[in-house]
Amino acid sequence: MTRNQQTNKNILELVGQTPLVQLNNITNQLKGSYFAKLESFNPGHSAKDRIATYIIENAERKGLIQPGDTIIETTSGNTGFSLAMISMVKGYKCILAVSSKTSEDKIDMLKIMGAEVHLCPANVAADDPRSYYEVAKRIHKETPNSIYINQYFNQLNCEAHYHSTGPEIWKQTEGKVTHVVVASGTGGTISGIGKYLKEQNPSIKILGVDAYGSILKAFHETGEIDEDAIYPYRIEGMGKNLIPTATHFNVIDQYEKVTDKDAAVKAREIVTEEGIFAGYTSGAVMQAAVQYNTKNMFTKDSFVVLVFPDHGSRYMNKIYSDTWMQKQGFLE
């Protein structure tokens, strides 16, 4: 995506080309050098701006959507915000099926951006009619002139990161990157980055981050779905109770699971140690890096890129609220 150095036609031209920033204090006990890919510098403050613009622009080129049509999606908040932003700029309607564990901050932002929000229970099976997957499908069927983004099963999700985030990391590190640590939810980010980087250097390790209560790690290791491993957890936008086809498990070398508490506490630590106002999933990525280090994944020569997916402002009523943290038992 090209940009004039002085002006931009609209906010969407600011998607991509996010900075890579060295982490200096929070990593001083870890082997290697660590750099955060700050996706909060996208105009919608998350990595999901990349897939939203890529998928909508693809639909426009194919004539699948016209101004006045409706965009429908399943989201934990960030993809929804990106789609709502695009809808405001391009003149689309936006309807979102949102998980009930999504933070109040995200839900308020979606409404302010003009989206119609349908709140769905988080702790139901993926094929339950009340789940946000099924609600989005139903609304799509009932809404004329609509498209369903379907990020969990849309290969354009992976393509967006293959064509943008992966090349950016390769260029910014001058090809020195040895490991990339990425949260895995829909799988588009980790799969797109992983596919591109392994084409440049097959020895680069692509390290996934999963949540306790999710089935991704076990599926990666066994190829089987362990229904008994599914239970409620608090981290948003990470882990899954189904297997998204947007996840290309063959490019992922390993997964590490992190707890809700460790991710929340680590996000706060990123703020106090580095001055980076990181989101909940960024805390999970940082915590996973610590755990990978404990398992001797890195050496003193490792060049580790951590993808921080979004901004802390979306979690003011959650991990950055002492009251919420105390209710969860995360703060003494």
Protein backbone atom coordinates (compact mmCIF):
# COMPACT_ATOMS: atom_id res chain seq x y z
CA MET A 1 0.00 0.00 0.00
CA THR A 2 1.65 3.21 -1.19
CA ARG A 3 1.47 6.46 0.71
CA ASN A 4 2.17 10.08 -0.02
CA GLN A 5 4.74 11.20 2.53
CA GLN A 6 2.81 14.38 3.31
CA THR A 7 -0.91 13.59 3.14
CA ASN A 8 -3.30 10.64 3.08
CA LYS A 9 -6.65 10.43 1.32
CA ASN A 10 -8.28 8.72 4.28
CA ILE A 11 -7.52 6.84 7.49
CA LEU A 12 -7.30 3.49 5.70
CA GLU A 13 -4.07 4.49 3.96
CA LEU A 14 -2.38 4.30 7.38
CA VAL A 15 -2.86 0.53 7.66
CA GLY A 16 0.43 -1.39 7.90
CA GLN A 17 4.09 -0.40 8.17
CA THR A 18 3.93 -0.62 11.97
CA PRO A 19 7.14 -0.07 13.98
CA LEU A 20 9.45 -2.70 15.42
CA VAL A 21 10.71 -1.58 18.84
CA GLN A 22 13.42 -3.17 20.97
CA LEU A 23 12.41 -4.37 24.43
CA ASN A 24 15.13 -3.49 26.93
CA ASN A 25 14.00 -4.00 30.53
CA ILE A 26 11.33 -6.69 30.62
CA THR A 27 13.65 -9.04 28.71
CA ASN A 28 16.89 -8.46 30.61
CA GLN A 29 16.75 -11.93 32.19
CA LEU A 30 16.09 -13.65 28.86
CA LYS A 31 18.56 -15.00 26.30
CA GLY A 32 18.75 -13.12 23.01
CA SER A 33 17.42 -9.79 21.70
CA TYR A 34 13.71 -9.02 21.66
CA PHE A 35 11.66 -6.67 19.50
CA ALA A 36 7.94 -5.89 19.64
CA LYS A 37 5.96 -5.45 16.42
CA LEU A 38 3.51 -2.78 17.60
CA GLU A 39 0.28 -3.43 15.72
CA SER A 40 -1.45 -0.80 17.87
CA PHE A 41 0.09 1.74 15.47
CA ASN A 42 -2.47 0.75 12.84
CA PRO A 43 -5.27 3.35 12.65
CA GLY A 44 -7.75 0.96 14.26
CA HIS A 45 -5.14 0.12 16.93
CA SER A 46 -4.83 -3.58 16.06
CA ALA A 47 -3.44 -6.11 13.59
CA LYS A 48 -6.99 -6.77 12.40
CA ASP A 49 -6.90 -3.60 10.28
CA ARG A 50 -4.71 -5.55 7.89
CA ILE A 51 -7.15 -8.39 7.22
CA ALA A 52 -10.22 -6.15 7.22
CA THR A 53 -8.85 -3.83 4.52
CA TYR A 54 -7.41 -6.73 2.51
CA ILE A 55 -10.65 -8.74 2.51
CA ILE A 56 -12.92 -5.76 1.76
CA GLU A 57 -10.67 -4.48 -1.04
CA ASN A 58 -10.68 -7.98 -2.53
CA ALA A 59 -14.49 -8.06 -2.40
CA GLU A 60 -14.67 -4.64 -4.04
CA ARG A 61 -12.39 -5.72 -6.90
CA LYS A 62 -14.63 -8.74 -7.51
CA GLY A 63 -17.80 -6.65 -7.38
CA LEU A 64 -19.12 -8.53 -4.35
CA ILE A 65 -19.96 -5.39 -2.37
CA GLN A 66 -21.28 -1.94 -3.20
CA PRO A 67 -21.73 1.20 -1.05
CA GLY A 68 -24.85 0.76 1.06
CA ASP A 69 -24.34 -3.02 1.38
CA THR A 70 -23.82 -4.70 4.75
CA ILE A 71 -20.65 -6.23 6.20
CA ILE A 72 -21.26 -8.99 8.76
CA GLU A 73 -18.68 -10.64 10.98
CA THR A 74 -17.95 -12.74 14.05
CA THR A 75 -15.50 -10.93 16.34
CA SER A 76 -14.03 -10.60 19.80
CA GLY A 77 -13.83 -6.87 19.10
CA ASN A 78 -10.76 -5.91 17.11
CA THR A 79 -11.81 -7.21 13.68
CA GLY A 80 -15.19 -5.66 14.31
CA PHE A 81 -13.65 -2.28 15.05
CA SER A 82 -11.59 -2.46 11.86
CA LEU A 83 -14.65 -3.37 9.78
CA ALA A 84 -16.72 -0.63 11.44
CA MET A 85 -13.98 1.88 10.64
CA ILE A 86 -13.88 0.76 7.00
CA SER A 87 -17.67 0.90 6.81
CA MET A 88 -17.69 4.49 8.06
CA VAL A 89 -15.14 5.53 5.45
CA LYS A 90 -16.57 3.60 2.50
CA GLY A 91 -20.29 3.85 3.17
CA TYR A 92 -21.20 0.31 4.24
CA LYS A 93 -23.43 -0.91 7.03
CA CYS A 94 -21.78 -3.09 9.66
CA ILE A 95 -23.37 -5.81 11.81
CA LEU A 96 -21.24 -7.70 14.33
CA ALA A 97 -21.81 -10.84 16.40
CA VAL A 98 -19.63 -10.30 19.47
CA SER A 99 -18.54 -12.70 22.22
CA SER A 100 -19.85 -11.84 25.69
CA LYS A 101 -16.32 -11.99 27.12
CA THR A 102 -15.36 -9.02 24.94
CA SER A 103 -14.41 -6.03 27.09
CA GLU A 104 -16.97 -3.26 27.63
CA ASP A 105 -14.47 -0.82 26.15
CA LYS A 106 -14.42 -2.71 22.85
CA ILE A 107 -18.19 -3.01 22.71
CA ASP A 108 -18.66 0.71 23.38
CA MET A 109 -16.13 1.50 20.64
CA LEU A 110 -17.98 -0.71 18.14
CA LYS A 111 -21.25 1.09 18.85
CA ILE A 112 -19.64 4.53 18.62
CA MET A 113 -18.25 3.49 15.21
CA GLY A 114 -21.81 2.88 14.02
CA ALA A 115 -21.86 -0.91 14.15
CA GLU A 116 -24.94 -2.90 15.09
CA VAL A 117 -23.75 -5.22 17.86
CA HIS A 118 -25.28 -8.59 18.78
CA LEU A 119 -23.84 -9.87 22.06
CA CYS A 120 -23.56 -13.67 22.16
CA PRO A 121 -22.68 -16.01 25.06
CA ALA A 122 -19.01 -16.99 25.02
CA ASN A 123 -19.25 -20.30 26.82
CA VAL A 124 -21.37 -22.30 24.37
CA ALA A 125 -20.35 -24.78 21.69
CA ALA A 126 -19.33 -23.35 18.32
CA ASP A 127 -22.34 -24.99 16.63
CA ASP A 128 -24.82 -23.74 19.24
CA PRO A 129 -27.40 -21.42 17.59
CA ARG A 130 -26.52 -18.79 20.23
CA SER A 131 -22.79 -18.81 19.46
CA TYR A 132 -21.38 -15.80 17.70
CA TYR A 133 -20.41 -18.00 14.75
CA GLU A 134 -23.97 -19.18 14.20
CA VAL A 135 -25.55 -15.79 14.93
CA ALA A 136 -23.39 -14.13 12.26
CA LYS A 137 -24.31 -16.84 9.73
CA ARG A 138 -28.01 -16.40 10.47
CA ILE A 139 -27.87 -12.61 10.15
CA HIS A 140 -26.03 -12.98 6.83
CA LYS A 141 -28.75 -15.27 5.47
CA GLU A 142 -31.45 -12.86 6.62
CA THR A 143 -29.77 -9.68 5.31
CA PRO A 144 -29.99 -8.87 1.58
CA ASN A 145 -26.88 -7.43 -0.11
CA SER A 146 -24.55 -8.56 2.68
CA ILE A 147 -21.18 -10.28 2.83
CA TYR A 148 -19.92 -12.42 5.70
CA ILE A 149 -16.20 -11.94 6.33
CA ASN A 150 -15.86 -15.30 8.13
CA GLN A 151 -12.29 -14.64 9.24
CA TYR A 152 -11.86 -18.05 10.89
CA PHE A 153 -12.37 -19.85 7.58
CA ASN A 154 -11.23 -17.23 5.08
CA GLN A 155 -7.82 -17.80 3.46
CA LEU A 156 -7.59 -14.07 2.69
CA ASN A 157 -6.99 -13.68 6.45
CA CYS A 158 -3.67 -15.50 6.06
CA GLU A 159 -2.90 -13.81 2.72
CA ALA A 160 -3.18 -10.35 4.27
CA HIS A 161 -0.33 -11.07 6.67
CA TYR A 162 1.65 -12.99 4.05
CA HIS A 163 1.69 -9.87 1.88
CA SER A 164 2.20 -7.28 4.63
CA THR A 165 3.25 -8.26 8.15
CA GLY A 166 5.65 -11.01 7.12
CA PRO A 167 7.57 -8.87 4.59
CA GLU A 168 7.68 -5.97 7.04
CA ILE A 169 9.30 -8.14 9.73
CA TRP A 170 11.82 -9.54 7.25
CA LYS A 171 12.75 -6.07 6.02
CA GLN A 172 12.82 -4.42 9.46
CA THR A 173 15.12 -7.10 10.87
CA GLU A 174 17.27 -7.15 7.70
CA GLY A 175 16.65 -10.88 7.58
CA LYS A 176 18.20 -11.46 11.01
CA VAL A 177 15.00 -12.67 12.68
CA THR A 178 15.35 -16.17 14.17
CA HIS A 179 12.07 -16.56 16.08
CA VAL A 180 8.62 -14.97 15.91
CA VAL A 181 6.15 -15.32 18.81
CA VAL A 182 2.53 -14.81 17.77
CA ALA A 183 -0.83 -15.30 19.50
CA SER A 184 -3.03 -17.78 17.67
CA GLY A 185 -6.78 -17.23 17.38
CA THR A 186 -8.16 -17.29 13.85
CA GLY A 187 -4.59 -18.17 12.88
CA GLY A 188 -4.32 -15.66 10.05
CA THR A 189 -1.54 -13.61 11.62
CA ILE A 190 0.72 -16.48 12.64
CA SER A 191 0.08 -18.43 9.42
CA GLY A 192 0.67 -15.53 7.04
CA ILE A 193 3.80 -14.37 8.84
CA GLY A 194 5.07 -17.92 9.19
CA LYS A 195 4.53 -18.83 5.54
CA TYR A 196 6.36 -15.75 4.29
CA LEU A 197 9.29 -15.93 6.69
CA LYS A 198 9.89 -19.65 6.20
CA GLU A 199 10.03 -19.05 2.45
CA GLN A 200 12.86 -16.59 3.13
CA ASN A 201 14.61 -18.77 5.72
CA PRO A 202 13.20 -22.21 6.65
CA SER A 203 15.16 -22.24 9.93
CA ILE A 204 13.11 -19.37 11.41
CA LYS A 205 10.98 -20.71 14.26
CA ILE A 206 7.30 -19.73 14.33
CA LEU A 207 6.12 -19.99 17.94
CA GLY A 208 2.42 -19.93 18.73
CA VAL A 209 0.70 -18.72 21.88
CA ASP A 210 -2.45 -20.52 23.06
CA ALA A 211 -4.76 -20.20 26.06
CA TYR A 212 -5.67 -22.77 28.68
CA GLY A 213 -9.21 -23.81 27.75
CA SER A 214 -8.36 -23.80 24.04
CA ILE A 215 -7.71 -26.80 21.77
CA LEU A 216 -5.14 -25.36 19.34
CA LYS A 217 -1.96 -26.61 21.03
CA ALA A 218 -3.24 -30.16 21.41
CA PHE A 219 -4.54 -30.24 17.84
CA HIS A 220 -1.18 -29.05 16.54
CA GLU A 221 0.57 -31.86 18.41
CA THR A 222 -1.89 -34.72 17.82
CA GLY A 223 -4.10 -33.76 14.88
CA GLU A 224 -7.11 -34.51 17.06
CA ILE A 225 -9.72 -32.33 18.77
CA ASP A 226 -9.78 -32.81 22.54
CA GLU A 227 -13.25 -31.72 23.64
CA ASP A 228 -12.30 -32.29 27.29
CA ALA A 229 -9.70 -29.51 27.04
CA ILE A 230 -12.36 -26.86 26.32
CA TYR A 231 -13.37 -24.63 29.22
CA PRO A 232 -13.98 -20.90 29.76
CA TYR A 233 -11.05 -18.49 29.85
CA ARG A 234 -10.75 -14.71 29.93
CA ILE A 235 -8.15 -13.76 27.31
CA GLU A 236 -9.85 -12.26 24.26
CA GLY A 237 -8.98 -12.97 20.64
CA MET A 238 -6.73 -15.93 21.36
CA GLY A 239 -7.25 -19.67 21.45
CA LYS A 240 -10.31 -21.45 20.06
CA ASN A 241 -12.91 -24.13 20.78
CA LEU A 242 -12.89 -25.09 17.08
CA ILE A 243 -10.18 -25.48 14.43
CA PRO A 244 -10.07 -22.50 12.05
CA THR A 245 -9.05 -23.38 8.49
CA ALA A 246 -7.26 -20.02 8.40
CA THR A 247 -4.65 -21.63 10.67
CA HIS A 248 -1.89 -23.35 8.71
CA PHE A 249 -0.49 -25.63 11.38
CA ASN A 250 2.31 -26.83 9.09
CA VAL A 251 4.14 -23.48 9.35
CA ILE A 252 3.88 -23.34 13.16
CA ASP A 253 6.76 -25.04 14.98
CA GLN A 254 5.41 -25.10 18.51
CA TYR A 255 2.69 -23.78 20.81
CA GLU A 256 2.93 -22.59 24.40
CA LYS A 257 -0.10 -22.09 26.62
CA VAL A 258 -0.38 -19.20 29.06
CA THR A 259 -2.82 -18.58 31.89
CA ASP A 260 -5.29 -15.69 32.11
CA LYS A 261 -3.52 -14.36 35.19
CA ASP A 262 0.01 -14.53 33.80
CA ALA A 263 -1.05 -12.76 30.60
CA ALA A 264 -2.83 -9.99 32.51
CA VAL A 265 0.01 -9.41 34.95
CA LYS A 266 2.58 -9.47 32.14
CA ALA A 267 0.64 -6.87 30.13
CA ARG A 268 0.85 -4.52 33.10
CA GLU A 269 4.54 -5.27 33.37
CA ILE A 270 5.07 -4.29 29.73
CA VAL A 271 3.61 -0.88 30.58
CA THR A 272 5.74 -0.31 33.68
CA GLU A 273 8.96 -1.73 32.22
CA GLU A 274 8.82 -0.48 28.63
CA GLY A 275 6.23 2.33 28.55
CA ILE A 276 4.26 0.40 25.91
CA PHE A 277 0.52 0.37 26.63
CA ALA A 278 -0.10 -3.20 25.54
CA GLY A 279 -3.32 -5.17 25.25
CA TYR A 280 -4.26 -8.43 27.00
CA THR A 281 -3.03 -10.64 24.17
CA SER A 282 0.27 -8.76 24.04
CA GLY A 283 0.74 -9.76 27.66
CA ALA A 284 0.11 -13.36 26.64
CA VAL A 285 2.74 -13.12 23.90
CA MET A 286 5.30 -11.66 26.32
CA GLN A 287 4.52 -14.33 28.91
CA ALA A 288 4.89 -17.06 26.29
CA ALA A 289 8.32 -15.69 25.36
CA VAL A 290 9.35 -15.99 29.02
CA GLN A 291 8.13 -19.60 29.09
CA TYR A 292 9.84 -20.45 25.79
CA ASN A 293 13.05 -19.01 27.23
CA THR A 294 12.70 -21.23 30.31
CA LYS A 295 12.46 -24.21 27.95
CA ASN A 296 15.75 -23.15 26.28
CA MET A 297 14.15 -22.18 22.99
CA PHE A 298 16.47 -19.17 22.67
CA THR A 299 20.22 -18.57 22.77
CA LYS A 300 22.24 -15.40 23.28
CA ASP A 301 22.25 -14.94 19.49
CA SER A 302 18.48 -15.22 19.04
CA PHE A 303 16.67 -12.33 17.34
CA VAL A 304 13.11 -12.67 18.60
CA VAL A 305 10.13 -10.72 17.24
CA LEU A 306 7.01 -10.56 19.43
CA VAL A 307 3.81 -9.51 17.69
CA PHE A 308 1.84 -7.26 20.07
CA PRO A 309 -1.64 -7.33 18.46
CA ASP A 310 -3.48 -4.38 19.99
CA HIS A 311 -3.59 -1.45 22.43
CA GLY A 312 -4.19 -1.41 26.16
CA SER A 313 -6.91 1.24 25.94
CA ARG A 314 -9.32 -1.54 24.95
CA TYR A 315 -8.96 -3.20 28.35
CA MET A 316 -9.46 -0.33 30.80
CA ASN A 317 -12.39 -2.16 32.43
CA LYS A 318 -10.48 -5.43 32.52
CA ILE A 319 -6.75 -5.92 33.02
CA TYR A 320 -6.10 -2.24 33.73
CA SER A 321 -8.83 -2.08 36.33
CA ASP A 322 -7.61 -2.98 39.82
CA THR A 323 -11.19 -3.88 40.74
CA TRP A 324 -11.52 -6.37 37.88
CA MET A 325 -8.09 -7.83 38.54
CA GLN A 326 -8.91 -8.33 42.22
CA LYS A 327 -12.26 -9.98 41.39
CA GLN A 328 -10.43 -12.48 39.19
CA GLY A 329 -7.89 -13.15 41.93
CA PHE A 330 -5.11 -11.72 39.77
CA LEU A 331 -4.03 -9.07 42.29
CA GLU A 332 -3.26 -9.66 45.94
